[in-house]
Amino acid sequence: MKTFVAMITGIVLMAVLSGVTHAAEKHLFYMHGCCINKVGGSAYETIVKELRSAGFNVVFDLRTDDSSAAAQAYAAKVADQVKSLLAKGTAPEDITVSGYSLGSVTAMFASILIANQKVNYVLLAGCPGNGARVSRGNDPLDVDYAKVQGRILSIVDTKDDKFESCKTHLPESVLQKEVAFDSGSGHAVFRNTDEKSLKLWKEPLVTWAKGQ
């Protein structure tokens, strides 16, 4: 009898531990902003370390091609990786695609290809405004906002002169939440690595990605 009870207890414990392990497997795709050749990648590497310390399996690549075509090609790569995770049994709620500036646009491109309403997205800096279009000249980052899908959080700095609120771009059914603040740093706050700047967007990102 004792042996039987021990076996049952062991099975239950393994099931519990298995559930805990699965819950901790949160996948985060993080895409940086433009101009790596100008601003460097060290700040983003610091940001990725911060995100990993929050318990995410972070997928991150440094990219130097800032063209719209390159953004769409990378979005297709991310979409394939997300679909692979889903095919292997990962719950869509355990996957988050996040990007800053150019990365935010790339995340929206990816969402159209992934086409899963339960996958999480975090748009750091929100959606491109006129400032973004002017700075990129004849290579606009045009997104078909009507086709964007997913569980979407937008985080914006109200003094950003390049990107802006997604409320005038994304349908209400797509944009579930937007967080706005005035950091004093504008667009650059999302690549600053001081504790105060990181906290402004990291906390809502973590909360959103973990479904809390």
C-alpha atoms as a PDB file:
ATOM      1  CA  MET A   1       0.000   0.000   0.000  1.00  0.00           C
ATOM      2  CA  LYS A   2       2.794   2.394   0.913  1.00  0.00           C
ATOM      3  CA  THR A   3       4.508   1.650  -2.381  1.00  0.00           C
ATOM      4  CA  PHE A   4       1.302   2.365  -4.285  1.00  0.00           C
ATOM      5  CA  VAL A   5       0.777   5.678  -2.456  1.00  0.00           C
ATOM      6  CA  ALA A   6       4.383   6.642  -3.136  1.00  0.00           C
ATOM      7  CA  MET A   7       3.917   5.910  -6.837  1.00  0.00           C
ATOM      8  CA  ILE A   8       0.744   7.998  -7.014  1.00  0.00           C
ATOM      9  CA  THR A   9       2.412  10.854  -5.135  1.00  0.00           C
ATOM     10  CA  GLY A  10       5.364  10.694  -7.515  1.00  0.00           C
ATOM     11  CA  ILE A  11       3.111  10.831 -10.567  1.00  0.00           C
ATOM     12  CA  VAL A  12       1.178  13.816  -9.178  1.00  0.00           C
ATOM     13  CA  LEU A  13       4.415  15.616  -8.294  1.00  0.00           C
ATOM     14  CA  MET A  14       5.807  15.050 -11.793  1.00  0.00           C
ATOM     15  CA  ALA A  15       2.614  16.417 -13.305  1.00  0.00           C
ATOM     16  CA  VAL A  16       2.779  19.511 -11.117  1.00  0.00           C
ATOM     17  CA  LEU A  17       6.429  20.089 -11.921  1.00  0.00           C
ATOM     18  CA  SER A  18       5.712  19.595 -15.609  1.00  0.00           C
ATOM     19  CA  GLY A  19       2.998  22.235 -15.427  1.00  0.00           C
ATOM     20  CA  VAL A  20       5.324  24.664 -13.676  1.00  0.00           C
ATOM     21  CA  THR A  21       8.020  24.118 -16.304  1.00  0.00           C
ATOM     22  CA  HIS A  22       5.574  24.737 -19.136  1.00  0.00           C
ATOM     23  CA  ALA A  23       4.295  27.916 -17.479  1.00  0.00           C
ATOM     24  CA  ALA A  24       7.854  29.262 -17.235  1.00  0.00           C
ATOM     25  CA  GLU A  25       8.554  28.738 -20.944  1.00  0.00           C
ATOM     26  CA  LYS A  26       7.689  32.181 -22.195  1.00  0.00           C
ATOM     27  CA  HIS A  27       9.133  32.980 -25.613  1.00  0.00           C
ATOM     28  CA  LEU A  28       9.905  36.605 -26.499  1.00  0.00           C
ATOM     29  CA  PHE A  29      11.003  37.830 -29.906  1.00  0.00           C
ATOM     30  CA  TYR A  30      12.659  41.242 -29.470  1.00  0.00           C
ATOM     31  CA  MET A  31      13.408  43.445 -32.493  1.00  0.00           C
ATOM     32  CA  HIS A  32      15.519  46.568 -32.177  1.00  0.00           C
ATOM     33  CA  GLY A  33      15.195  49.937 -33.868  1.00  0.00           C
ATOM     34  CA  CYS A  34      17.013  51.258 -36.895  1.00  0.00           C
ATOM     35  CA  CYS A  35      20.464  52.637 -37.398  1.00  0.00           C
ATOM     36  CA  ILE A  36      22.623  50.026 -35.645  1.00  0.00           C
ATOM     37  CA  ASN A  37      25.626  51.277 -37.623  1.00  0.00           C
ATOM     38  CA  LYS A  38      25.073  54.699 -36.034  1.00  0.00           C
ATOM     39  CA  VAL A  39      23.846  53.990 -32.493  1.00  0.00           C
ATOM     40  CA  GLY A  40      25.562  50.631 -31.951  1.00  0.00           C
ATOM     41  CA  GLY A  41      24.143  47.439 -30.524  1.00  0.00           C
ATOM     42  CA  SER A  42      25.456  47.466 -26.954  1.00  0.00           C
ATOM     43  CA  ALA A  43      22.320  49.116 -25.546  1.00  0.00           C
ATOM     44  CA  TYR A  44      20.118  46.475 -27.139  1.00  0.00           C
ATOM     45  CA  GLU A  45      22.302  43.681 -25.797  1.00  0.00           C
ATOM     46  CA  THR A  46      21.783  45.159 -22.319  1.00  0.00           C
ATOM     47  CA  ILE A  47      18.035  45.296 -22.924  1.00  0.00           C
ATOM     48  CA  VAL A  48      17.992  41.660 -24.036  1.00  0.00           C
ATOM     49  CA  LYS A  49      19.803  40.650 -20.829  1.00  0.00           C
ATOM     50  CA  GLU A  50      17.117  42.496 -18.847  1.00  0.00           C
ATOM     51  CA  LEU A  51      14.369  40.644 -20.686  1.00  0.00           C
ATOM     52  CA  ARG A  52      16.043  37.294 -20.129  1.00  0.00           C
ATOM     53  CA  SER A  53      16.344  38.089 -16.429  1.00  0.00           C
ATOM     54  CA  ALA A  54      12.537  38.472 -16.391  1.00  0.00           C
ATOM     55  CA  GLY A  55      12.201  34.800 -17.335  1.00  0.00           C
ATOM     56  CA  PHE A  56      11.853  34.885 -21.111  1.00  0.00           C
ATOM     57  CA  ASN A  57      13.515  32.749 -23.750  1.00  0.00           C
ATOM     58  CA  VAL A  58      14.571  35.713 -25.886  1.00  0.00           C
ATOM     59  CA  VAL A  59      15.140  35.507 -29.634  1.00  0.00           C
ATOM     60  CA  PHE A  60      17.236  38.466 -30.824  1.00  0.00           C
ATOM     61  CA  ASP A  61      19.288  39.358 -33.900  1.00  0.00           C
ATOM     62  CA  LEU A  62      21.330  42.464 -34.670  1.00  0.00           C
ATOM     63  CA  ARG A  63      20.411  43.733 -38.144  1.00  0.00           C
ATOM     64  CA  THR A  64      21.954  46.531 -40.178  1.00  0.00           C
ATOM     65  CA  ASP A  65      19.579  46.757 -43.153  1.00  0.00           C
ATOM     66  CA  ASP A  66      16.859  49.277 -42.283  1.00  0.00           C
ATOM     67  CA  SER A  67      14.885  49.080 -45.505  1.00  0.00           C
ATOM     68  CA  SER A  68      11.204  48.236 -45.544  1.00  0.00           C
ATOM     69  CA  ALA A  69      11.972  45.171 -47.681  1.00  0.00           C
ATOM     70  CA  ALA A  70      14.447  43.898 -45.066  1.00  0.00           C
ATOM     71  CA  ALA A  71      11.917  44.517 -42.286  1.00  0.00           C
ATOM     72  CA  GLN A  72       9.304  42.469 -44.131  1.00  0.00           C
ATOM     73  CA  ALA A  73      11.824  39.688 -44.824  1.00  0.00           C
ATOM     74  CA  TYR A  74      12.770  39.527 -41.148  1.00  0.00           C
ATOM     75  CA  ALA A  75       9.092  39.574 -40.181  1.00  0.00           C
ATOM     76  CA  ALA A  76       8.632  36.495 -42.377  1.00  0.00           C
ATOM     77  CA  LYS A  77      11.531  34.786 -40.570  1.00  0.00           C
ATOM     78  CA  VAL A  78      10.011  35.560 -37.169  1.00  0.00           C
ATOM     79  CA  ALA A  79       6.595  34.410 -38.357  1.00  0.00           C
ATOM     80  CA  ASP A  80       8.092  31.068 -39.431  1.00  0.00           C
ATOM     81  CA  GLN A  81       9.766  30.687 -36.020  1.00  0.00           C
ATOM     82  CA  VAL A  82       6.521  31.452 -34.201  1.00  0.00           C
ATOM     83  CA  LYS A  83       4.591  29.002 -36.375  1.00  0.00           C
ATOM     84  CA  SER A  84       7.226  26.366 -35.633  1.00  0.00           C
ATOM     85  CA  LEU A  85       6.737  26.880 -31.888  1.00  0.00           C
ATOM     86  CA  LEU A  86       2.978  26.629 -32.309  1.00  0.00           C
ATOM     87  CA  ALA A  87       3.328  23.442 -34.362  1.00  0.00           C
ATOM     88  CA  LYS A  88       5.415  21.911 -31.568  1.00  0.00           C
ATOM     89  CA  GLY A  89       2.631  22.574 -29.062  1.00  0.00           C
ATOM     90  CA  THR A  90       3.635  25.903 -27.539  1.00  0.00           C
ATOM     91  CA  ALA A  91       0.548  27.821 -26.447  1.00  0.00           C
ATOM     92  CA  PRO A  92       0.110  31.109 -28.362  1.00  0.00           C
ATOM     93  CA  GLU A  93      -0.317  32.874 -25.015  1.00  0.00           C
ATOM     94  CA  ASP A  94       3.290  31.882 -24.224  1.00  0.00           C
ATOM     95  CA  ILE A  95       4.668  33.718 -27.264  1.00  0.00           C
ATOM     96  CA  THR A  96       5.298  37.463 -27.462  1.00  0.00           C
ATOM     97  CA  VAL A  97       6.580  39.406 -30.461  1.00  0.00           C
ATOM     98  CA  SER A  98       7.952  42.788 -29.452  1.00  0.00           C
ATOM     99  CA  GLY A  99       9.804  45.526 -31.254  1.00  0.00           C
ATOM    100  CA  TYR A 100      10.977  49.104 -30.880  1.00  0.00           C
ATOM    101  CA  SER A 101      10.571  51.709 -33.631  1.00  0.00           C
ATOM    102  CA  LEU A 102      11.464  49.885 -36.868  1.00  0.00           C
ATOM    103  CA  GLY A 103      11.101  46.729 -34.765  1.00  0.00           C
ATOM    104  CA  SER A 104       7.561  47.760 -33.851  1.00  0.00           C
ATOM    105  CA  VAL A 105       6.653  47.946 -37.525  1.00  0.00           C
ATOM    106  CA  THR A 106       8.382  44.615 -38.137  1.00  0.00           C
ATOM    107  CA  ALA A 107       6.292  43.089 -35.339  1.00  0.00           C
ATOM    108  CA  MET A 108       3.117  44.269 -37.079  1.00  0.00           C
ATOM    109  CA  PHE A 109       4.285  42.803 -40.387  1.00  0.00           C
ATOM    110  CA  ALA A 110       4.896  39.524 -38.537  1.00  0.00           C
ATOM    111  CA  SER A 111       1.453  39.590 -36.928  1.00  0.00           C
ATOM    112  CA  ILE A 112      -0.198  39.640 -40.346  1.00  0.00           C
ATOM    113  CA  LEU A 113       1.752  36.538 -41.386  1.00  0.00           C
ATOM    114  CA  ILE A 114       1.281  34.699 -38.083  1.00  0.00           C
ATOM    115  CA  ALA A 115      -2.465  35.404 -38.120  1.00  0.00           C
ATOM    116  CA  ASN A 116      -3.144  34.136 -34.611  1.00  0.00           C
ATOM    117  CA  GLN A 117      -5.354  36.227 -32.340  1.00  0.00           C
ATOM    118  CA  LYS A 118      -3.857  34.794 -29.130  1.00  0.00           C
ATOM    119  CA  VAL A 119      -0.178  35.575 -29.767  1.00  0.00           C
ATOM    120  CA  ASN A 120       1.016  38.591 -27.757  1.00  0.00           C
ATOM    121  CA  TYR A 121       2.527  41.716 -29.315  1.00  0.00           C
ATOM    122  CA  VAL A 122       4.167  44.711 -27.662  1.00  0.00           C
ATOM    123  CA  LEU A 123       4.766  47.773 -29.855  1.00  0.00           C
ATOM    124  CA  LEU A 124       7.466  49.864 -28.198  1.00  0.00           C
ATOM    125  CA  ALA A 125       7.067  53.509 -29.303  1.00  0.00           C
ATOM    126  CA  GLY A 126       3.727  52.659 -30.885  1.00  0.00           C
ATOM    127  CA  CYS A 127       3.063  53.275 -34.590  1.00  0.00           C
ATOM    128  CA  PRO A 128       5.082  55.350 -37.095  1.00  0.00           C
ATOM    129  CA  GLY A 129       4.050  58.987 -37.464  1.00  0.00           C
ATOM    130  CA  ASN A 130       5.035  61.684 -39.924  1.00  0.00           C
ATOM    131  CA  GLY A 131       8.459  62.010 -38.299  1.00  0.00           C
ATOM    132  CA  ALA A 132       9.257  58.405 -39.130  1.00  0.00           C
ATOM    133  CA  ARG A 133       8.181  58.871 -42.734  1.00  0.00           C
ATOM    134  CA  VAL A 134      10.244  62.050 -43.202  1.00  0.00           C
ATOM    135  CA  SER A 135      13.371  60.456 -41.728  1.00  0.00           C
ATOM    136  CA  ARG A 136      13.093  57.478 -44.127  1.00  0.00           C
ATOM    137  CA  GLY A 137      12.506  59.470 -47.291  1.00  0.00           C
ATOM    138  CA  ASN A 138      11.201  57.337 -50.144  1.00  0.00           C
ATOM    139  CA  ASP A 139      11.156  54.073 -48.204  1.00  0.00           C
ATOM    140  CA  PRO A 140       8.031  54.404 -46.029  1.00  0.00           C
ATOM    141  CA  LEU A 141       7.130  51.732 -43.499  1.00  0.00           C
ATOM    142  CA  ASP A 142       3.606  51.162 -44.741  1.00  0.00           C
ATOM    143  CA  VAL A 143       1.601  48.641 -42.750  1.00  0.00           C
ATOM    144  CA  ASP A 144      -1.844  47.419 -43.735  1.00  0.00           C
ATOM    145  CA  TYR A 145      -3.232  48.091 -40.259  1.00  0.00           C
ATOM    146  CA  ALA A 146      -6.560  46.444 -41.068  1.00  0.00           C
ATOM    147  CA  LYS A 147      -4.751  43.092 -41.381  1.00  0.00           C
ATOM    148  CA  VAL A 148      -2.789  43.303 -38.113  1.00  0.00           C
ATOM    149  CA  GLN A 149      -3.811  40.539 -35.701  1.00  0.00           C
ATOM    150  CA  GLY A 150      -3.089  39.417 -32.153  1.00  0.00           C
ATOM    151  CA  ARG A 151      -3.264  40.506 -28.553  1.00  0.00           C
ATOM    152  CA  ILE A 152      -1.639  43.916 -28.863  1.00  0.00           C
ATOM    153  CA  LEU A 153      -0.174  46.342 -26.338  1.00  0.00           C
ATOM    154  CA  SER A 154       1.209  49.669 -27.519  1.00  0.00           C
ATOM    155  CA  ILE A 155       3.607  51.646 -25.292  1.00  0.00           C
ATOM    156  CA  VAL A 156       4.284  55.253 -26.286  1.00  0.00           C
ATOM    157  CA  ASP A 157       6.085  58.348 -25.076  1.00  0.00           C
ATOM    158  CA  THR A 158       3.783  61.331 -25.583  1.00  0.00           C
ATOM    159  CA  LYS A 159       6.703  63.571 -26.609  1.00  0.00           C
ATOM    160  CA  ASP A 160       7.971  61.178 -29.276  1.00  0.00           C
ATOM    161  CA  ASP A 161       8.557  63.119 -32.521  1.00  0.00           C
ATOM    162  CA  LYS A 162       8.832  60.033 -34.737  1.00  0.00           C
ATOM    163  CA  PHE A 163       6.252  57.490 -33.547  1.00  0.00           C
ATOM    164  CA  GLU A 164       2.853  58.039 -31.975  1.00  0.00           C
ATOM    165  CA  SER A 165      -0.252  56.471 -30.480  1.00  0.00           C
ATOM    166  CA  CYS A 166      -1.616  53.480 -32.350  1.00  0.00           C
ATOM    167  CA  LYS A 167      -5.184  54.526 -31.548  1.00  0.00           C
ATOM    168  CA  THR A 168      -5.506  56.374 -34.862  1.00  0.00           C
ATOM    169  CA  HIS A 169      -3.991  53.485 -36.807  1.00  0.00           C
ATOM    170  CA  LEU A 170      -5.137  50.133 -35.410  1.00  0.00           C
ATOM    171  CA  PRO A 171      -8.807  49.117 -35.085  1.00  0.00           C
ATOM    172  CA  GLU A 172     -10.152  49.025 -31.521  1.00  0.00           C
ATOM    173  CA  SER A 173     -10.676  45.291 -31.844  1.00  0.00           C
ATOM    174  CA  VAL A 174      -6.927  44.842 -32.438  1.00  0.00           C
ATOM    175  CA  LEU A 175      -5.376  47.367 -30.050  1.00  0.00           C
ATOM    176  CA  GLN A 176      -6.411  46.020 -26.664  1.00  0.00           C
ATOM    177  CA  LYS A 177      -4.333  48.386 -24.553  1.00  0.00           C
ATOM    178  CA  GLU A 178      -2.042  51.396 -24.796  1.00  0.00           C
ATOM    179  CA  VAL A 179       0.306  52.736 -22.126  1.00  0.00           C
ATOM    180  CA  ALA A 180       1.459  56.351 -22.473  1.00  0.00           C
ATOM    181  CA  PHE A 181       4.021  58.326 -20.474  1.00  0.00           C
ATOM    182  CA  ASP A 182       6.265  61.385 -20.750  1.00  0.00           C
ATOM    183  CA  SER A 183       9.809  60.295 -19.940  1.00  0.00           C
ATOM    184  CA  GLY A 184      11.522  63.457 -21.075  1.00  0.00           C
ATOM    185  CA  SER A 185      13.547  61.425 -23.584  1.00  0.00           C
ATOM    186  CA  GLY A 186      10.964  60.976 -26.329  1.00  0.00           C
ATOM    187  CA  HIS A 187      11.628  58.275 -28.906  1.00  0.00           C
ATOM    188  CA  ALA A 188      15.032  57.380 -27.447  1.00  0.00           C
ATOM    189  CA  VAL A 189      13.642  56.242 -24.082  1.00  0.00           C
ATOM    190  CA  PHE A 190      13.074  52.739 -25.446  1.00  0.00           C
ATOM    191  CA  ARG A 191      16.782  52.221 -26.063  1.00  0.00           C
ATOM    192  CA  ASN A 192      18.022  53.924 -22.894  1.00  0.00           C
ATOM    193  CA  THR A 193      19.454  51.461 -20.398  1.00  0.00           C
ATOM    194  CA  ASP A 194      19.194  53.387 -17.131  1.00  0.00           C
ATOM    195  CA  GLU A 195      16.954  51.782 -14.534  1.00  0.00           C
ATOM    196  CA  LYS A 196      14.275  54.492 -14.661  1.00  0.00           C
ATOM    197  CA  SER A 197      13.868  54.329 -18.447  1.00  0.00           C
ATOM    198  CA  LEU A 198      13.847  50.531 -18.555  1.00  0.00           C
ATOM    199  CA  LYS A 199      11.193  50.329 -15.857  1.00  0.00           C
ATOM    200  CA  LEU A 200       8.775  52.550 -17.796  1.00  0.00           C
ATOM    201  CA  TRP A 201       8.270  50.035 -20.587  1.00  0.00           C
ATOM    202  CA  LYS A 202       9.692  46.789 -19.205  1.00  0.00           C
ATOM    203  CA  GLU A 203       7.093  46.392 -16.440  1.00  0.00           C
ATOM    204  CA  PRO A 204       4.025  46.706 -18.712  1.00  0.00           C
ATOM    205  CA  LEU A 205       5.714  44.468 -21.320  1.00  0.00           C
ATOM    206  CA  VAL A 206       6.385  41.712 -18.773  1.00  0.00           C
ATOM    207  CA  THR A 207       2.867  41.970 -17.361  1.00  0.00           C
ATOM    208  CA  TRP A 208       1.330  41.771 -20.827  1.00  0.00           C
ATOM    209  CA  ALA A 209       3.548  38.929 -22.046  1.00  0.00           C
ATOM    210  CA  LYS A 210       2.807  36.839 -18.964  1.00  0.00           C
ATOM    211  CA  GLY A 211      -0.937  37.456 -19.196  1.00  0.00           C
ATOM    212  CA  GLN A 212      -1.118  39.091 -15.774  1.00  0.00           C
END
